[in-house]
Amino acid sequence: MIPFVNLPVKIVKLFTSNVAPSEVAAGVCLGMFLGFTPLNGPMAVLLVILMFVFKINRLASILVLPVFKLFYVAGVSSLADALGGVLLIEAGFLKGLWRLLTTLPVVAYLDLGNTLVTGGLVISFILLFPVYKGSEKGIIVLRERYFDKIRESKFVKWFMKLPLIGKIASLASKAGGR
């Protein structure tokens, strides 16, 4: 099956399924953490593993990752680099903490000595509560106000009438939304 063809069906299922708004919000937050840290290091691998370990909506993470990565490229990376530099280099009172963290067996490999990683994690932790609450409230509002309008729109009806899409949608509904 072609994954990108199935994406609109999965997005519609995100609004109609019994997925709790807290799971969607957790997925958005994980997408933020991935978006604000470099994707070419061990921290990104750990965050992706967390996506599969905890009950997090992976679709929400994947959908918002490009949005947060766009913010990261547009200027958050400079802020993360500066904040990481302050925390790792200039904040003398944290030297003992960084020395301890970089000598722990597994934590030492997470690249916490990189200013972009540390700064991105700190920015993500600062934004964690507002992004979580905002996305949780947002999915509730989207489900209540706009789902019926989206489902009854001419585009969705036309899209679902396409032979391949209709077949995929019926297979997905039979499979239980996996």
N, C-alpha and C. Protein backbone atom coordinates (compact mmCIF):
# COMPACT_ATOMS: atom_id res chain seq x y z
N MET A 1 0.85 -1.17 0.00
CA MET A 1 0.00 0.00 0.00
C MET A 1 0.90 1.24 0.00
N ILE A 2 0.48 2.25 -0.71
CA ILE A 2 1.24 3.48 -0.82
C ILE A 2 0.93 4.35 0.40
N PRO A 3 1.94 4.62 1.26
CA PRO A 3 1.67 5.32 2.52
C PRO A 3 1.13 6.73 2.34
N PHE A 4 1.63 7.49 1.37
CA PHE A 4 1.19 8.88 1.24
C PHE A 4 -0.25 8.98 0.77
N VAL A 5 -0.77 7.96 0.10
CA VAL A 5 -2.16 7.96 -0.32
C VAL A 5 -3.06 7.73 0.90
N ASN A 6 -2.58 6.94 1.84
CA ASN A 6 -3.34 6.61 3.04
C ASN A 6 -3.31 7.74 4.07
N LEU A 7 -2.46 8.72 3.92
CA LEU A 7 -2.31 9.79 4.91
C LEU A 7 -3.59 10.59 5.13
N PRO A 8 -4.32 11.03 4.11
CA PRO A 8 -5.57 11.76 4.39
C PRO A 8 -6.58 10.93 5.18
N VAL A 9 -6.62 9.64 4.92
CA VAL A 9 -7.53 8.77 5.66
C VAL A 9 -7.11 8.74 7.13
N LYS A 10 -5.82 8.65 7.38
CA LYS A 10 -5.34 8.63 8.77
C LYS A 10 -5.60 9.96 9.46
N ILE A 11 -5.48 11.06 8.75
CA ILE A 11 -5.75 12.37 9.35
C ILE A 11 -7.22 12.48 9.73
N VAL A 12 -8.10 12.02 8.86
CA VAL A 12 -9.52 12.03 9.19
C VAL A 12 -9.79 11.12 10.38
N LYS A 13 -9.13 9.97 10.44
CA LYS A 13 -9.31 9.06 11.57
C LYS A 13 -8.79 9.67 12.87
N LEU A 14 -7.81 10.56 12.79
CA LEU A 14 -7.30 11.24 13.98
C LEU A 14 -8.41 12.05 14.63
N PHE A 15 -9.27 12.63 13.82
CA PHE A 15 -10.37 13.43 14.35
C PHE A 15 -11.57 12.58 14.77
N THR A 16 -11.73 11.40 14.17
CA THR A 16 -12.92 10.61 14.44
C THR A 16 -12.67 9.47 15.42
N SER A 17 -11.46 9.08 15.62
CA SER A 17 -11.19 7.89 16.42
C SER A 17 -11.36 8.17 17.91
N ASN A 18 -11.25 7.12 18.67
CA ASN A 18 -11.37 7.24 20.11
C ASN A 18 -10.03 7.57 20.77
N VAL A 19 -9.12 8.12 20.04
CA VAL A 19 -7.83 8.51 20.61
C VAL A 19 -8.08 9.68 21.55
N ALA A 20 -7.58 9.54 22.75
CA ALA A 20 -7.78 10.58 23.75
C ALA A 20 -7.04 11.84 23.34
N PRO A 21 -7.62 13.01 23.62
CA PRO A 21 -6.92 14.26 23.31
C PRO A 21 -5.56 14.36 24.00
N SER A 22 -5.42 13.72 25.15
CA SER A 22 -4.12 13.75 25.84
C SER A 22 -3.06 12.99 25.05
N GLU A 23 -3.45 11.91 24.36
CA GLU A 23 -2.49 11.17 23.53
C GLU A 23 -2.06 12.00 22.33
N VAL A 24 -3.00 12.70 21.74
CA VAL A 24 -2.68 13.57 20.61
C VAL A 24 -1.77 14.69 21.08
N ALA A 25 -2.07 15.29 22.24
CA ALA A 25 -1.25 16.37 22.78
C ALA A 25 0.15 15.88 23.11
N ALA A 26 0.26 14.67 23.64
CA ALA A 26 1.58 14.10 23.91
C ALA A 26 2.36 13.89 22.61
N GLY A 27 1.66 13.48 21.57
CA GLY A 27 2.30 13.33 20.26
C GLY A 27 2.80 14.65 19.71
N VAL A 28 2.00 15.70 19.90
CA VAL A 28 2.42 17.03 19.45
C VAL A 28 3.66 17.47 20.23
N CYS A 29 3.68 17.21 21.52
CA CYS A 29 4.85 17.60 22.33
C CYS A 29 6.10 16.83 21.93
N LEU A 30 5.95 15.54 21.64
CA LEU A 30 7.10 14.78 21.18
C LEU A 30 7.58 15.29 19.83
N GLY A 31 6.65 15.67 18.96
CA GLY A 31 7.03 16.28 17.69
C GLY A 31 7.78 17.58 17.90
N MET A 32 7.41 18.33 18.94
CA MET A 32 8.13 19.57 19.27
C MET A 32 9.55 19.25 19.73
N PHE A 33 9.71 18.26 20.60
CA PHE A 33 11.04 17.88 21.05
C PHE A 33 11.92 17.45 19.88
N LEU A 34 11.34 16.66 18.98
CA LEU A 34 12.09 16.24 17.79
C LEU A 34 12.39 17.43 16.88
N GLY A 35 11.46 18.36 16.78
CA GLY A 35 11.66 19.51 15.91
C GLY A 35 12.71 20.49 16.43
N PHE A 36 12.84 20.60 17.73
CA PHE A 36 13.77 21.57 18.31
C PHE A 36 15.14 20.99 18.64
N THR A 37 15.38 19.74 18.31
CA THR A 37 16.71 19.15 18.49
C THR A 37 17.20 18.64 17.14
N PRO A 38 18.51 18.57 16.96
CA PRO A 38 19.03 18.03 15.69
C PRO A 38 18.59 16.58 15.50
N LEU A 39 18.21 16.23 14.28
CA LEU A 39 17.72 14.89 13.99
C LEU A 39 18.82 13.90 13.62
N ASN A 40 20.05 14.32 13.70
CA ASN A 40 21.14 13.44 13.29
C ASN A 40 21.96 12.94 14.47
N GLY A 41 21.37 12.85 15.64
CA GLY A 41 22.14 12.42 16.79
C GLY A 41 21.41 11.39 17.63
N PRO A 42 22.08 10.95 18.66
CA PRO A 42 21.48 9.92 19.52
C PRO A 42 20.26 10.41 20.30
N MET A 43 20.15 11.71 20.56
CA MET A 43 18.97 12.20 21.27
C MET A 43 17.72 12.02 20.42
N ALA A 44 17.83 12.23 19.12
CA ALA A 44 16.69 12.02 18.24
C ALA A 44 16.29 10.55 18.22
N VAL A 45 17.26 9.66 18.24
CA VAL A 45 16.97 8.23 18.27
C VAL A 45 16.23 7.87 19.56
N LEU A 46 16.68 8.43 20.68
CA LEU A 46 16.00 8.18 21.95
C LEU A 46 14.56 8.70 21.92
N LEU A 47 14.35 9.88 21.35
CA LEU A 47 13.00 10.44 21.27
C LEU A 47 12.10 9.59 20.38
N VAL A 48 12.63 9.05 19.31
CA VAL A 48 11.84 8.17 18.44
C VAL A 48 11.51 6.87 19.18
N ILE A 49 12.43 6.36 19.95
CA ILE A 49 12.16 5.16 20.75
C ILE A 49 11.05 5.44 21.75
N LEU A 50 11.07 6.63 22.37
CA LEU A 50 10.02 7.01 23.32
C LEU A 50 8.66 7.04 22.64
N MET A 51 8.64 7.36 21.35
CA MET A 51 7.40 7.40 20.59
C MET A 51 6.74 6.02 20.57
N PHE A 52 7.55 4.97 20.57
CA PHE A 52 7.00 3.62 20.50
C PHE A 52 6.80 2.99 21.88
N VAL A 53 7.49 3.50 22.89
CA VAL A 53 7.38 2.94 24.23
C VAL A 53 6.13 3.44 24.95
N PHE A 54 5.86 4.74 24.85
CA PHE A 54 4.74 5.33 25.57
C PHE A 54 3.51 5.43 24.67
N LYS A 55 2.37 5.62 25.31
CA LYS A 55 1.11 5.73 24.58
C LYS A 55 0.97 7.15 24.05
N ILE A 56 1.57 7.36 22.90
CA ILE A 56 1.63 8.67 22.25
C ILE A 56 1.09 8.49 20.84
N ASN A 57 0.34 9.46 20.37
CA ASN A 57 -0.18 9.41 19.02
C ASN A 57 0.95 9.73 18.04
N ARG A 58 1.43 8.71 17.35
CA ARG A 58 2.56 8.87 16.44
C ARG A 58 2.22 9.74 15.24
N LEU A 59 0.98 9.65 14.78
CA LEU A 59 0.57 10.46 13.63
C LEU A 59 0.67 11.94 13.95
N ALA A 60 0.25 12.32 15.14
CA ALA A 60 0.35 13.73 15.54
C ALA A 60 1.81 14.17 15.59
N SER A 61 2.68 13.30 16.09
CA SER A 61 4.11 13.63 16.14
C SER A 61 4.68 13.85 14.74
N ILE A 62 4.32 12.96 13.84
CA ILE A 62 4.83 13.04 12.47
C ILE A 62 4.29 14.26 11.74
N LEU A 63 3.02 14.60 12.01
CA LEU A 63 2.41 15.74 11.32
C LEU A 63 2.97 17.08 11.79
N VAL A 64 3.27 17.21 13.08
CA VAL A 64 3.75 18.50 13.58
C VAL A 64 5.26 18.64 13.54
N LEU A 65 5.97 17.54 13.33
CA LEU A 65 7.43 17.61 13.27
C LEU A 65 7.92 18.62 12.23
N PRO A 66 7.41 18.62 10.99
CA PRO A 66 7.88 19.61 10.02
C PRO A 66 7.57 21.05 10.42
N VAL A 67 6.47 21.26 11.13
CA VAL A 67 6.12 22.62 11.57
C VAL A 67 7.15 23.12 12.57
N PHE A 68 7.46 22.31 13.57
CA PHE A 68 8.45 22.72 14.57
C PHE A 68 9.85 22.77 13.98
N LYS A 69 10.15 21.90 13.03
CA LYS A 69 11.46 21.96 12.38
C LYS A 69 11.59 23.23 11.55
N LEU A 70 10.49 23.69 10.98
CA LEU A 70 10.49 24.97 10.25
C LEU A 70 10.80 26.13 11.20
N PHE A 71 10.17 26.12 12.37
CA PHE A 71 10.49 27.13 13.38
C PHE A 71 11.96 27.05 13.79
N TYR A 72 12.46 25.82 13.91
CA TYR A 72 13.85 25.59 14.30
C TYR A 72 14.80 26.19 13.27
N VAL A 73 14.52 25.95 12.01
CA VAL A 73 15.37 26.47 10.94
C VAL A 73 15.24 27.98 10.83
N ALA A 74 14.04 28.49 11.11
CA ALA A 74 13.78 29.93 10.97
C ALA A 74 14.41 30.77 12.07
N GLY A 75 14.89 30.16 13.14
CA GLY A 75 15.53 30.98 14.15
C GLY A 75 15.63 30.38 15.54
N VAL A 76 14.84 29.36 15.80
CA VAL A 76 14.91 28.75 17.12
C VAL A 76 16.27 28.08 17.32
N SER A 77 16.90 27.64 16.24
CA SER A 77 18.22 27.00 16.38
C SER A 77 19.25 28.00 16.91
N SER A 78 19.17 29.25 16.50
CA SER A 78 20.09 30.26 17.03
C SER A 78 19.85 30.49 18.50
N LEU A 79 18.58 30.55 18.88
CA LEU A 79 18.23 30.69 20.29
C LEU A 79 18.68 29.48 21.09
N ALA A 80 18.48 28.28 20.54
CA ALA A 80 18.89 27.05 21.23
C ALA A 80 20.40 27.01 21.38
N ASP A 81 21.13 27.41 20.35
CA ASP A 81 22.59 27.43 20.41
C ASP A 81 23.08 28.41 21.48
N ALA A 82 22.47 29.60 21.52
CA ALA A 82 22.87 30.60 22.52
C ALA A 82 22.52 30.13 23.93
N LEU A 83 21.32 29.58 24.10
CA LEU A 83 20.91 29.11 25.42
C LEU A 83 21.76 27.92 25.86
N GLY A 84 22.03 27.02 24.95
CA GLY A 84 22.90 25.89 25.27
C GLY A 84 24.30 26.34 25.63
N GLY A 85 24.81 27.36 24.94
CA GLY A 85 26.13 27.89 25.26
C GLY A 85 26.17 28.50 26.65
N VAL A 86 25.12 29.21 27.00
CA VAL A 86 25.05 29.79 28.34
C VAL A 86 25.03 28.69 29.39
N LEU A 87 24.20 27.67 29.17
CA LEU A 87 24.06 26.60 30.16
C LEU A 87 25.29 25.71 30.26
N LEU A 88 25.93 25.43 29.13
CA LEU A 88 27.06 24.52 29.14
C LEU A 88 28.39 25.19 29.43
N ILE A 89 28.55 26.43 28.99
CA ILE A 89 29.87 27.08 29.08
C ILE A 89 29.91 28.15 30.15
N GLU A 90 28.94 29.06 30.12
CA GLU A 90 29.02 30.24 30.97
C GLU A 90 28.46 30.04 32.37
N ALA A 91 27.53 29.12 32.55
CA ALA A 91 26.93 28.91 33.87
C ALA A 91 27.86 28.01 34.70
N GLY A 92 28.72 28.64 35.45
CA GLY A 92 29.72 27.90 36.23
C GLY A 92 29.11 27.00 37.29
N PHE A 93 27.97 27.38 37.83
CA PHE A 93 27.35 26.58 38.88
C PHE A 93 26.80 25.26 38.36
N LEU A 94 26.68 25.09 37.03
CA LEU A 94 26.19 23.85 36.45
C LEU A 94 27.30 22.89 36.00
N LYS A 95 28.56 23.31 36.18
CA LYS A 95 29.67 22.46 35.70
C LYS A 95 29.67 21.09 36.35
N GLY A 96 29.35 21.02 37.64
CA GLY A 96 29.29 19.73 38.32
C GLY A 96 28.21 18.83 37.74
N LEU A 97 27.06 19.42 37.42
CA LEU A 97 25.97 18.65 36.82
C LEU A 97 26.37 18.10 35.46
N TRP A 98 26.97 18.95 34.63
CA TRP A 98 27.38 18.49 33.30
C TRP A 98 28.48 17.44 33.40
N ARG A 99 29.39 17.59 34.35
CA ARG A 99 30.44 16.60 34.54
C ARG A 99 29.82 15.26 34.93
N LEU A 100 28.83 15.29 35.84
CA LEU A 100 28.16 14.07 36.25
C LEU A 100 27.40 13.43 35.09
N LEU A 101 26.64 14.23 34.35
CA LEU A 101 25.84 13.69 33.25
C LEU A 101 26.69 13.11 32.13
N THR A 102 27.82 13.73 31.86
CA THR A 102 28.66 13.25 30.75
C THR A 102 29.50 12.05 31.15
N THR A 103 29.49 11.66 32.41
CA THR A 103 30.22 10.46 32.83
C THR A 103 29.30 9.28 33.10
N LEU A 104 27.99 9.51 33.13
CA LEU A 104 27.05 8.40 33.31
C LEU A 104 27.07 7.53 32.06
N PRO A 105 26.97 6.21 32.23
CA PRO A 105 27.16 5.30 31.10
C PRO A 105 26.31 5.57 29.87
N VAL A 106 25.00 5.66 29.99
CA VAL A 106 24.14 5.82 28.82
C VAL A 106 23.95 7.30 28.48
N VAL A 107 23.81 8.13 29.49
CA VAL A 107 23.53 9.55 29.29
C VAL A 107 24.68 10.24 28.55
N ALA A 108 25.88 9.75 28.72
CA ALA A 108 27.04 10.35 28.06
C ALA A 108 26.92 10.29 26.54
N TYR A 109 26.21 9.30 26.03
CA TYR A 109 26.07 9.16 24.58
C TYR A 109 24.94 9.99 23.99
N LEU A 110 24.16 10.67 24.82
CA LEU A 110 23.02 11.43 24.32
C LEU A 110 23.38 12.81 23.78
N ASP A 111 24.64 13.11 23.73
CA ASP A 111 25.11 14.35 23.11
C ASP A 111 24.63 15.60 23.85
N LEU A 112 24.55 15.51 25.18
CA LEU A 112 24.12 16.67 25.97
C LEU A 112 25.19 17.75 26.02
N GLY A 113 26.39 17.46 25.60
CA GLY A 113 27.45 18.47 25.53
C GLY A 113 27.32 19.37 24.31
N ASN A 114 26.41 19.06 23.42
CA ASN A 114 26.17 19.86 22.23
C ASN A 114 25.21 20.99 22.61
N THR A 115 25.59 22.21 22.28
CA THR A 115 24.77 23.36 22.67
C THR A 115 23.40 23.34 21.99
N LEU A 116 23.32 22.85 20.75
CA LEU A 116 22.04 22.78 20.06
C LEU A 116 21.09 21.78 20.72
N VAL A 117 21.63 20.64 21.15
CA VAL A 117 20.80 19.63 21.79
C VAL A 117 20.30 20.13 23.14
N THR A 118 21.23 20.64 23.97
CA THR A 118 20.84 21.11 25.29
C THR A 118 19.89 22.29 25.20
N GLY A 119 20.19 23.25 24.36
CA GLY A 119 19.31 24.40 24.20
C GLY A 119 17.95 24.02 23.66
N GLY A 120 17.91 23.11 22.69
CA GLY A 120 16.64 22.66 22.13
C GLY A 120 15.78 21.93 23.16
N LEU A 121 16.44 21.11 23.99
CA LEU A 121 15.70 20.41 25.04
C LEU A 121 15.15 21.38 26.08
N VAL A 122 15.94 22.38 26.45
CA VAL A 122 15.48 23.35 27.44
C VAL A 122 14.31 24.17 26.88
N ILE A 123 14.41 24.60 25.64
CA ILE A 123 13.30 25.34 25.01
C ILE A 123 12.05 24.46 24.95
N SER A 124 12.23 23.20 24.60
CA SER A 124 11.09 22.28 24.53
C SER A 124 10.46 22.09 25.90
N PHE A 125 11.29 21.96 26.94
CA PHE A 125 10.74 21.80 28.29
C PHE A 125 10.01 23.06 28.74
N ILE A 126 10.52 24.22 28.36
CA ILE A 126 9.84 25.47 28.71
C ILE A 126 8.47 25.56 28.04
N LEU A 127 8.40 25.10 26.79
CA LEU A 127 7.15 25.18 26.02
C LEU A 127 6.24 23.97 26.21
N LEU A 128 6.69 22.98 26.97
CA LEU A 128 5.96 21.72 27.09
C LEU A 128 4.53 21.91 27.59
N PHE A 129 4.33 22.58 28.70
CA PHE A 129 2.99 22.72 29.27
C PHE A 129 2.07 23.54 28.37
N PRO A 130 2.50 24.71 27.88
CA PRO A 130 1.58 25.45 27.00
C PRO A 130 1.24 24.72 25.71
N VAL A 131 2.21 24.04 25.11
CA VAL A 131 1.94 23.31 23.86
C VAL A 131 1.02 22.13 24.14
N TYR A 132 1.25 21.44 25.25
CA TYR A 132 0.40 20.29 25.60
C TYR A 132 -1.05 20.74 25.81
N LYS A 133 -1.23 21.74 26.66
CA LYS A 133 -2.60 22.20 26.94
C LYS A 133 -3.26 22.80 25.70
N GLY A 134 -2.50 23.56 24.91
CA GLY A 134 -3.06 24.16 23.70
C GLY A 134 -3.46 23.12 22.67
N SER A 135 -2.64 22.12 22.47
CA SER A 135 -2.98 21.09 21.48
C SER A 135 -4.09 20.18 21.99
N GLU A 136 -4.14 19.94 23.30
CA GLU A 136 -5.23 19.15 23.85
C GLU A 136 -6.57 19.87 23.66
N LYS A 137 -6.57 21.15 23.98
CA LYS A 137 -7.79 21.95 23.79
C LYS A 137 -8.11 22.08 22.30
N GLY A 138 -7.08 22.22 21.48
CA GLY A 138 -7.29 22.36 20.03
C GLY A 138 -7.93 21.14 19.41
N ILE A 139 -7.50 19.94 19.79
CA ILE A 139 -8.09 18.74 19.19
C ILE A 139 -9.53 18.57 19.65
N ILE A 140 -9.83 18.99 20.87
CA ILE A 140 -11.22 18.92 21.35
C ILE A 140 -12.10 19.87 20.53
N VAL A 141 -11.60 21.09 20.33
CA VAL A 141 -12.37 22.07 19.56
C VAL A 141 -12.53 21.61 18.12
N LEU A 142 -11.46 21.09 17.52
CA LEU A 142 -11.56 20.60 16.14
C LEU A 142 -12.57 19.47 16.02
N ARG A 143 -12.56 18.57 16.97
CA ARG A 143 -13.51 17.46 16.92
C ARG A 143 -14.94 17.94 17.09
N GLU A 144 -15.18 18.88 18.01
CA GLU A 144 -16.53 19.33 18.28
C GLU A 144 -17.09 20.22 17.17
N ARG A 145 -16.30 21.16 16.72
CA ARG A 145 -16.81 22.18 15.81
C ARG A 145 -16.68 21.85 14.33
N TYR A 146 -15.55 21.25 13.97
CA TYR A 146 -15.25 21.19 12.55
C TYR A 146 -15.31 19.81 11.92
N PHE A 147 -15.41 18.76 12.72
CA PHE A 147 -15.36 17.45 12.10
C PHE A 147 -16.52 17.21 11.15
N ASP A 148 -17.74 17.54 11.58
CA ASP A 148 -18.89 17.32 10.70
C ASP A 148 -18.77 18.14 9.42
N LYS A 149 -18.27 19.36 9.54
CA LYS A 149 -18.09 20.20 8.34
C LYS A 149 -17.04 19.61 7.40
N ILE A 150 -15.97 19.08 7.98
CA ILE A 150 -14.92 18.49 7.14
C ILE A 150 -15.44 17.22 6.48
N ARG A 151 -16.11 16.38 7.25
CA ARG A 151 -16.62 15.12 6.72
C ARG A 151 -17.65 15.35 5.62
N GLU A 152 -18.44 16.38 5.74
CA GLU A 152 -19.49 16.64 4.76
C GLU A 152 -19.03 17.58 3.64
N SER A 153 -17.78 17.98 3.63
CA SER A 153 -17.30 18.89 2.59
C SER A 153 -17.25 18.18 1.23
N LYS A 154 -17.34 18.95 0.20
CA LYS A 154 -17.32 18.40 -1.16
C LYS A 154 -15.99 17.72 -1.46
N PHE A 155 -14.89 18.30 -0.96
CA PHE A 155 -13.58 17.72 -1.24
C PHE A 155 -13.46 16.33 -0.64
N VAL A 156 -13.85 16.16 0.63
CA VAL A 156 -13.73 14.85 1.28
C VAL A 156 -14.64 13.83 0.59
N LYS A 157 -15.84 14.24 0.23
CA LYS A 157 -16.75 13.32 -0.48
C LYS A 157 -16.15 12.92 -1.82
N TRP A 158 -15.59 13.89 -2.54
CA TRP A 158 -14.96 13.59 -3.83
C TRP A 158 -13.75 12.68 -3.62
N PHE A 159 -12.94 13.01 -2.63
CA PHE A 159 -11.72 12.25 -2.35
C PHE A 159 -12.06 10.80 -1.99
N MET A 160 -13.10 10.61 -1.19
CA MET A 160 -13.47 9.26 -0.77
C MET A 160 -14.11 8.46 -1.89
N LYS A 161 -14.60 9.13 -2.95
CA LYS A 161 -15.18 8.43 -4.08
C LYS A 161 -14.12 7.89 -5.04
N LEU A 162 -12.89 8.37 -4.93
CA LEU A 162 -11.84 7.86 -5.79
C LEU A 162 -11.69 6.36 -5.54
N PRO A 163 -11.54 5.57 -6.59
CA PRO A 163 -11.54 4.11 -6.43
C PRO A 163 -10.48 3.60 -5.45
N LEU A 164 -9.28 4.06 -5.59
CA LEU A 164 -8.20 3.58 -4.74
C LEU A 164 -8.39 4.04 -3.29
N ILE A 165 -8.80 5.28 -3.10
CA ILE A 165 -8.98 5.82 -1.76
C ILE A 165 -10.14 5.14 -1.05
N GLY A 166 -11.25 4.94 -1.74
CA GLY A 166 -12.39 4.26 -1.15
C GLY A 166 -12.04 2.85 -0.70
N LYS A 167 -11.26 2.17 -1.51
CA LYS A 167 -10.82 0.82 -1.16
C LYS A 167 -9.92 0.84 0.07
N ILE A 168 -8.99 1.78 0.12
CA ILE A 168 -8.09 1.90 1.27
C ILE A 168 -8.88 2.24 2.53
N ALA A 169 -9.82 3.16 2.42
CA ALA A 169 -10.62 3.56 3.57
C ALA A 169 -11.44 2.39 4.10
N SER A 170 -12.02 1.59 3.20
CA SER A 170 -12.81 0.44 3.66
C SER A 170 -11.90 -0.60 4.30
N LEU A 171 -10.72 -0.83 3.75
CA LEU A 171 -9.78 -1.76 4.36
C LEU A 171 -9.32 -1.28 5.73
N ALA A 172 -9.08 0.04 5.84
CA ALA A 172 -8.63 0.59 7.13
C ALA A 172 -9.72 0.49 8.18
N SER A 173 -10.97 0.70 7.79
CA SER A 173 -12.06 0.60 8.77
C SER A 173 -12.27 -0.86 9.19
N LYS A 174 -12.07 -1.82 8.28
CA LYS A 174 -12.19 -3.23 8.61
C LYS A 174 -11.05 -3.68 9.52
N ALA A 175 -9.86 -3.09 9.34
CA ALA A 175 -8.69 -3.49 10.13
C ALA A 175 -8.71 -2.89 11.52
N GLY A 176 -9.69 -2.05 11.82
CA GLY A 176 -9.78 -1.49 13.16
C GLY A 176 -8.94 -0.26 13.34
N GLY A 177 -8.53 0.39 12.26
CA GLY A 177 -7.80 1.66 12.36
C GLY A 177 -6.34 1.53 12.69
N ARG A 178 -5.74 0.39 12.35
CA ARG A 178 -4.32 0.24 12.64
C ARG A 178 -3.48 1.12 11.82
